[in-house]
Protein backbone atom coordinates (compact mmCIF):
# COMPACT_ATOMS: atom_id res chain seq x y z
CA MET A 1 -7.23 16.27 -44.29
CA GLU A 2 -6.33 13.79 -47.03
CA LEU A 3 -4.71 16.60 -49.04
CA ALA A 4 -2.68 17.63 -46.02
CA LYS A 5 -1.49 14.04 -45.53
CA GLU A 6 -0.45 13.90 -49.18
CA LEU A 7 1.44 17.19 -48.89
CA ILE A 8 3.22 15.96 -45.76
CA GLU A 9 4.26 12.75 -47.51
CA ASN A 10 5.59 14.75 -50.48
CA GLU A 11 7.55 16.93 -48.08
CA LEU A 12 9.04 13.91 -46.32
CA SER A 13 9.92 12.05 -49.53
CA GLY A 14 11.49 15.16 -51.04
CA ASN A 15 14.04 15.42 -48.22
CA ARG A 16 16.64 12.97 -46.93
CA TYR A 17 15.01 12.50 -43.55
CA SER A 18 15.57 9.35 -41.52
CA GLU A 19 12.71 6.85 -41.25
CA HIS A 20 12.59 7.51 -37.52
CA TYR A 21 12.01 11.23 -38.15
CA LYS A 22 9.43 10.56 -40.88
CA ASN A 23 7.47 8.24 -38.62
CA SER A 24 7.49 10.79 -35.79
CA ILE A 25 6.02 13.41 -38.16
CA ARG A 26 3.32 10.95 -39.26
CA ARG A 27 2.42 10.22 -35.64
CA ASN A 28 2.21 13.93 -34.91
CA VAL A 29 -0.13 14.42 -37.89
CA LYS A 30 -2.34 11.56 -36.71
CA ASP A 31 -2.53 12.96 -33.17
CA PHE A 32 -3.48 16.42 -34.41
CA TYR A 33 -6.16 15.04 -36.73
CA SER A 34 -7.63 12.98 -33.89
CA TRP A 35 -7.84 16.12 -31.78
CA CYS A 36 -9.57 17.98 -34.63
CA ILE A 37 -12.10 15.19 -35.26
CA LYS A 38 -13.08 15.07 -31.58
CA ARG A 39 -13.98 18.75 -31.93
CA SER A 40 -15.82 18.25 -35.24
CA LYS A 41 -13.11 20.19 -37.06
CA THR A 42 -12.84 17.90 -40.08
CA ASP A 43 -12.27 20.83 -42.47
CA LEU A 44 -8.84 22.39 -41.82
CA ASN A 45 -10.18 25.62 -43.35
CA SER A 46 -12.22 25.99 -40.17
CA ILE A 47 -9.18 25.85 -37.86
CA THR A 48 -8.50 29.22 -36.26
CA ARG A 49 -5.51 30.68 -34.50
CA LYS A 50 -7.33 30.18 -31.20
CA ASP A 51 -7.75 26.47 -32.03
CA LEU A 52 -4.00 26.11 -32.50
CA VAL A 53 -3.31 27.87 -29.20
CA ASN A 54 -5.73 25.47 -27.52
CA TYR A 55 -4.02 22.49 -29.13
CA HIS A 56 -0.68 23.74 -27.82
CA LYS A 57 -2.19 23.98 -24.32
CA LYS A 58 -3.44 20.41 -24.75
CA LEU A 59 0.12 19.30 -25.59
CA GLU A 60 1.42 20.99 -22.44
CA GLN A 61 -1.01 18.86 -20.40
CA THR A 62 -0.24 15.59 -22.22
CA LYS A 63 1.39 12.82 -20.21
CA SER A 64 3.91 10.35 -21.54
CA LYS A 65 2.67 6.78 -21.99
CA LYS A 66 6.08 5.52 -20.87
CA ASN A 67 6.43 7.15 -17.46
CA GLY A 68 3.11 8.92 -16.81
CA GLU A 69 4.85 12.30 -16.52
CA LEU A 70 4.12 15.40 -18.60
CA ILE A 71 5.86 15.23 -21.97
CA THR A 72 9.00 17.30 -22.26
CA ALA A 73 9.14 20.77 -23.80
CA SER A 74 11.23 19.31 -26.60
CA THR A 75 8.45 16.85 -27.44
CA ILE A 76 5.88 19.64 -27.33
CA ASN A 77 7.95 21.74 -29.72
CA ASN A 78 8.42 18.85 -32.12
CA ARG A 79 4.73 17.94 -32.17
CA PHE A 80 3.59 21.52 -32.66
CA TYR A 81 6.15 22.07 -35.40
CA THR A 82 4.30 19.40 -37.39
CA VAL A 83 1.06 21.40 -37.04
CA ILE A 84 2.79 24.54 -38.28
CA LEU A 85 4.20 22.53 -41.20
CA ILE A 86 0.73 21.25 -42.15
CA PHE A 87 -0.74 24.74 -42.46
CA ARG A 88 2.33 26.16 -44.18
CA LEU A 89 2.09 23.51 -46.90
CA LEU A 90 -1.67 23.98 -47.28
CA TYR A 91 -1.25 27.74 -47.60
CA GLN A 92 1.61 27.48 -50.08
CA THR A 93 -0.48 25.27 -52.38
CA GLY A 94 -3.52 27.53 -52.11
CA ALA A 95 -5.64 24.93 -50.33
CA ILE A 96 -6.44 27.45 -47.56
CA LYS A 97 -6.88 31.19 -47.91
CA ASP A 98 -5.32 32.17 -44.59
CA ASN A 99 -2.62 30.49 -42.54
CA PRO A 100 -3.66 30.52 -38.84
CA ALA A 101 -0.18 29.31 -37.85
CA GLN A 102 1.67 32.17 -39.53
CA ASN A 103 3.92 34.02 -37.06
CA LEU A 104 2.50 31.92 -34.23
CA ASP A 105 5.51 31.46 -31.98
CA LEU A 106 4.70 29.15 -29.08
CA LYS A 107 8.07 27.41 -28.97
CA ILE A 108 9.31 26.77 -25.45
CA LYS A 109 12.79 28.14 -24.84
CA GLU A 110 15.71 25.70 -24.78
CA SER A 111 16.71 26.65 -21.24
CA LYS A 112 13.37 25.32 -19.94
CA MET A 113 13.55 22.00 -21.71
CA TRP A 114 17.09 20.85 -21.05
CA LYS A 115 16.95 18.62 -18.00
CA ARG A 116 19.66 16.08 -18.77
CA ARG A 117 23.13 16.96 -17.51
CA ALA A 118 26.60 16.04 -18.65
CA LEU A 119 28.85 13.73 -16.72
CA THR A 120 32.00 15.29 -15.30
CA VAL A 121 35.37 14.18 -16.68
CA GLU A 122 35.88 12.18 -13.49
CA GLU A 123 32.48 10.50 -13.84
CA ILE A 124 32.98 9.54 -17.48
CA ASN A 125 36.43 8.13 -16.64
CA ILE A 126 35.06 6.06 -13.76
CA PHE A 127 32.21 4.79 -15.94
CA LEU A 128 34.39 3.79 -18.91
CA GLU A 129 37.14 2.19 -16.86
CA GLN A 130 34.85 -0.33 -15.13
CA PHE A 131 34.29 -2.58 -18.14
CA ASP A 132 36.11 -5.90 -18.34
CA VAL A 133 37.32 -5.69 -21.95
CA ASN A 134 38.60 -9.27 -21.75
CA THR A 135 34.97 -10.39 -22.04
CA LYS A 136 32.92 -10.14 -25.23
CA GLN A 137 30.18 -8.10 -23.56
CA GLY A 138 32.61 -5.81 -21.74
CA LEU A 139 34.55 -5.07 -24.93
CA LYS A 140 31.36 -4.26 -26.80
CA ASP A 141 30.09 -1.94 -24.07
CA ARG A 142 33.43 -0.18 -23.70
CA THR A 143 33.79 0.31 -27.46
CA MET A 144 30.26 1.63 -27.88
CA PHE A 145 30.27 4.13 -25.03
CA GLU A 146 33.88 5.14 -25.70
CA LEU A 147 32.91 5.94 -29.30
CA MET A 148 29.85 7.90 -28.17
CA TYR A 149 32.03 10.00 -25.88
CA SER A 150 34.78 10.31 -28.47
CA SER A 151 32.60 11.84 -31.15
CA GLY A 152 29.46 13.12 -29.42
CA LEU A 153 27.14 10.62 -31.08
CA ARG A 154 23.40 10.45 -30.63
CA VAL A 155 22.02 7.03 -29.70
CA CYS A 156 20.22 6.82 -33.06
CA GLU A 157 23.52 7.56 -34.83
CA VAL A 158 25.22 4.70 -33.02
CA VAL A 159 22.65 2.14 -34.15
CA ASN A 160 22.83 3.35 -37.77
CA LEU A 161 26.64 3.23 -37.90
CA LYS A 162 28.00 0.68 -40.38
CA ILE A 163 31.51 -0.76 -40.47
CA GLY A 164 32.06 0.78 -43.90
CA ASP A 165 31.43 4.23 -42.40
CA ILE A 166 34.60 3.95 -40.32
CA ASP A 167 38.13 4.74 -41.50
CA LEU A 168 40.46 3.59 -38.73
CA ASN A 169 43.58 4.75 -40.57
CA ARG A 170 42.36 8.33 -40.77
CA ARG A 171 40.51 8.07 -37.44
CA GLU A 172 37.32 9.36 -39.00
CA MET A 173 33.81 8.13 -39.62
CA ILE A 174 30.70 9.16 -41.52
CA VAL A 175 27.78 9.75 -39.17
CA ARG A 176 24.25 9.46 -40.54
CA GLY A 177 22.63 12.27 -38.59
CA LYS A 178 19.13 13.58 -38.02
CA PHE A 179 17.16 15.20 -40.82
CA GLY A 180 19.03 13.13 -43.42
CA THR A 181 22.28 15.02 -42.92
CA ASP A 182 25.63 13.22 -42.90
CA ARG A 183 28.83 14.52 -41.34
CA VAL A 184 32.42 13.36 -41.01
CA VAL A 185 33.71 13.33 -37.44
CA PRO A 186 37.04 12.40 -35.84
CA ILE A 187 37.57 9.36 -33.63
CA SER A 188 39.74 9.54 -30.51
CA ILE A 189 42.86 7.41 -30.17
CA VAL A 190 41.31 5.33 -27.40
CA ALA A 191 38.06 4.76 -29.31
CA LYS A 192 40.04 3.72 -32.39
CA ASP A 193 41.97 1.10 -30.43
CA PHE A 194 38.82 -0.40 -28.96
CA LEU A 195 37.11 -0.39 -32.36
CA TYR A 196 40.06 -2.33 -33.78
CA LEU A 197 39.77 -4.90 -31.01
CA PHE A 198 36.00 -5.12 -31.14
CA LEU A 199 35.60 -5.42 -34.92
CA GLY A 200 38.36 -7.98 -35.41
CA ASP A 201 37.67 -10.08 -38.52
CA ARG A 202 34.42 -8.19 -39.12
CA ILE A 203 36.35 -5.16 -40.34
CA GLU A 204 35.79 -6.25 -43.96
CA ASN A 205 32.01 -6.56 -43.57
CA VAL A 206 31.42 -2.98 -44.69
CA ASP A 207 27.62 -3.21 -44.90
CA GLU A 208 27.18 -4.74 -41.44
CA PRO A 209 26.18 -2.61 -38.43
CA VAL A 210 29.07 -1.88 -36.08
CA PHE A 211 26.93 -2.76 -33.07
CA VAL A 212 24.54 -5.66 -33.49
CA ALA A 213 21.75 -6.65 -31.12
CA TYR A 214 22.73 -7.89 -27.65
CA THR A 215 20.90 -11.16 -28.22
CA GLY A 216 22.21 -13.73 -30.67
CA SER A 217 25.41 -13.82 -32.68
CA HIS A 218 26.69 -11.44 -35.37
CA THR A 219 23.71 -11.86 -37.67
CA GLY A 220 23.76 -8.33 -39.02
CA HIS A 221 20.76 -7.10 -36.99
CA LYS A 222 21.52 -3.64 -35.67
CA MET A 223 20.70 -2.64 -32.13
CA LYS A 224 17.68 -0.58 -31.18
CA SER A 225 18.11 2.88 -29.69
CA SER A 226 16.09 1.77 -26.67
CA SER A 227 18.54 -1.09 -26.06
CA ILE A 228 21.46 1.35 -25.71
CA SER A 229 19.49 3.63 -23.39
CA GLU A 230 18.42 0.69 -21.23
CA ARG A 231 21.95 -0.70 -21.19
CA PHE A 232 23.36 2.64 -20.02
CA HIS A 233 20.75 2.85 -17.27
CA ASP A 234 21.48 -0.70 -16.09
CA LEU A 235 25.22 -0.05 -16.06
CA LEU A 236 24.82 3.14 -14.04
CA VAL A 237 22.86 1.15 -11.47
CA LYS A 238 25.46 -1.64 -11.52
CA PHE A 239 28.34 0.83 -11.05
CA ASP A 240 26.42 2.69 -8.29
CA MET A 241 26.42 5.84 -10.43
CA TYR A 242 22.70 6.19 -11.18
CA LYS A 243 21.21 9.68 -11.01
CA GLU A 244 17.81 10.65 -12.35
CA GLU A 245 19.24 13.42 -14.53
CA LEU A 246 21.61 11.06 -16.37
CA SER A 247 20.71 9.24 -19.59
CA ALA A 248 22.61 7.83 -22.55
CA HIS A 249 22.24 11.27 -24.17
CA SER A 250 24.27 12.67 -21.26
CA ILE A 251 27.38 11.18 -22.90
CA ARG A 252 26.83 13.46 -25.92
CA HIS A 253 26.35 16.40 -23.56
CA SER A 254 29.62 15.42 -21.90
CA THR A 255 31.53 15.52 -25.19
CA ALA A 256 30.34 19.06 -25.93
CA THR A 257 30.81 20.33 -22.39
CA HIS A 258 34.32 18.94 -21.97
CA LEU A 259 35.48 20.26 -25.33
CA LEU A 260 34.13 23.73 -24.61
CA ASP A 261 35.46 23.72 -21.05
CA ASN A 262 38.93 23.11 -22.48
CA GLY A 263 38.73 25.98 -24.97
CA ALA A 264 37.22 24.54 -28.17
CA SER A 265 35.20 26.84 -30.44
CA ILE A 266 31.44 26.68 -30.19
CA ARG A 267 31.25 26.62 -34.01
CA HIS A 268 33.46 23.56 -34.20
CA VAL A 269 31.50 21.79 -31.47
CA GLN A 270 28.35 22.58 -33.45
CA GLU A 271 29.97 20.98 -36.50
CA LEU A 272 31.07 17.93 -34.54
CA LEU A 273 27.64 17.31 -32.98
CA GLY A 274 25.71 18.07 -36.16
CA HIS A 275 23.48 20.72 -34.61
CA LYS A 276 21.36 22.50 -37.22
CA GLY A 277 21.56 25.82 -35.38
CA ILE A 278 24.22 27.43 -33.21
CA GLU A 279 21.60 28.17 -30.54
CA THR A 280 21.42 24.45 -29.69
CA THR A 281 25.16 24.34 -29.05
CA GLU A 282 25.00 27.57 -27.06
CA ARG A 283 23.22 25.70 -24.31
CA TYR A 284 26.60 24.44 -23.21
CA THR A 285 28.70 27.61 -22.99
CA HIS A 286 30.23 30.35 -25.14
CA VAL A 287 33.92 30.38 -26.13
CA GLN A 288 35.88 30.97 -29.32
CA THR A 289 38.89 29.54 -31.14
CA ASP A 290 39.45 27.92 -34.56
CA GLY A 291 40.59 24.83 -36.48
CA ALA A 292 38.01 22.01 -36.11
CA ALA A 293 40.19 18.87 -36.30
CA LYS A 294 43.14 20.62 -34.67
CA ILE A 295 40.97 21.86 -31.81
CA TYR A 296 39.40 18.43 -31.34
CA ARG A 297 42.74 16.65 -31.07
CA LYS A 298 44.14 19.33 -28.83
CA TYR A 299 41.32 19.60 -26.31
CA HIS A 300 39.25 16.40 -26.18
CA PRO A 301 40.06 14.56 -22.91
CA ARG A 302 40.62 11.28 -24.81
CA GLU A 303 43.18 12.98 -27.07
CA HIS A 304 44.95 15.16 -24.54
CA ASP A 305 48.60 14.33 -23.78
CA LEU A 306 47.91 14.91 -20.09
CA PHE A 307 44.97 12.52 -19.95
CA GLU A 308 46.04 10.10 -17.24
CA THR A 309 44.31 7.02 -18.64
CA VAL A 310 46.28 7.11 -21.89
CA ASP A 311 49.71 6.60 -20.34
CA GLU A 312 52.44 4.16 -21.41
CA GLU A 313 51.17 1.37 -19.17
CA TYR A 314 47.68 1.77 -20.63
CA ARG A 315 49.06 1.71 -24.18
CA ARG A 316 51.05 -1.46 -23.44
CA HIS A 317 47.87 -3.06 -22.10
CA LEU A 318 46.03 -2.21 -25.30
CA ASP A 319 48.92 -3.47 -27.44
CA SER A 320 48.86 -6.80 -25.58
CA LEU A 321 45.12 -7.10 -26.19
CA ILE A 322 45.60 -6.41 -29.89
CA GLU A 323 48.41 -8.95 -30.09
CA ARG A 324 46.26 -11.60 -28.38
CA CYS A 325 43.40 -10.79 -30.74
CA ASN A 326 45.64 -11.25 -33.77
CA LYS A 327 46.89 -14.63 -32.52
CA SER A 328 43.42 -15.98 -31.80
């Protein structure tokens, strides 16, 4: 088991994975080893294909410590992937003669695991328009959720976003995605305006997180992913919009769904969201067109010329806010 741990650590250090992802892999390894030890399987050479099937069944019966419900299919897939990785590495290095996980496909299909739904265009508009941007908290909330909707960001990508990653002139930003992969994504006109207002004099602090913790002043401490999820939940309740199938991740679903509904290419939506495989994006719908940036600016609701919120009166309101910010 010690050799397997060492191989896993070498695998993690040899790739540009996020610390969050690395820690999840380590937890998965620990959980699997605990299961093996309880069954006196301390030598991984003794693990059989049947053992791995039984472990997968155990995962399917595991309940979440947070809500007491069965863990999601996505969590099961992620945890079992770690087990497959362990035996693949052991086999590749010659530590085991046979790989019991080889060609063992127990992955649960995407259609069975996707329970969160997107907000409709009307719902996202109602949600975003209820913030009082004349208050510090309201401006922060509006900027954060507007940016998430603008560019289809994951919650973890929001907390890792630094001011230096944003280019307001080009309306682009570098997103530090999962699995150590970075991507450049566009920013909507509306999100850009709120970012300008929200950042203010902090715009030069390139190494500071865009969104700092809700408690305290701008001390450079980034938010936690859980804080954003909790904030979204609390706001849904406050705005009388709460539904069990909605979470902060629903905003990302909304970005993809609304782009595709308006004719954007599934390949370009995949690129925007940073999905590793096209099959993940295919959960939304299937359409075709081309030109990533052109398609984004043509079809995203926050960019569209016919989007009612971005009218002349709205633009004048934003200009007055910017002017007041500059004078203060």
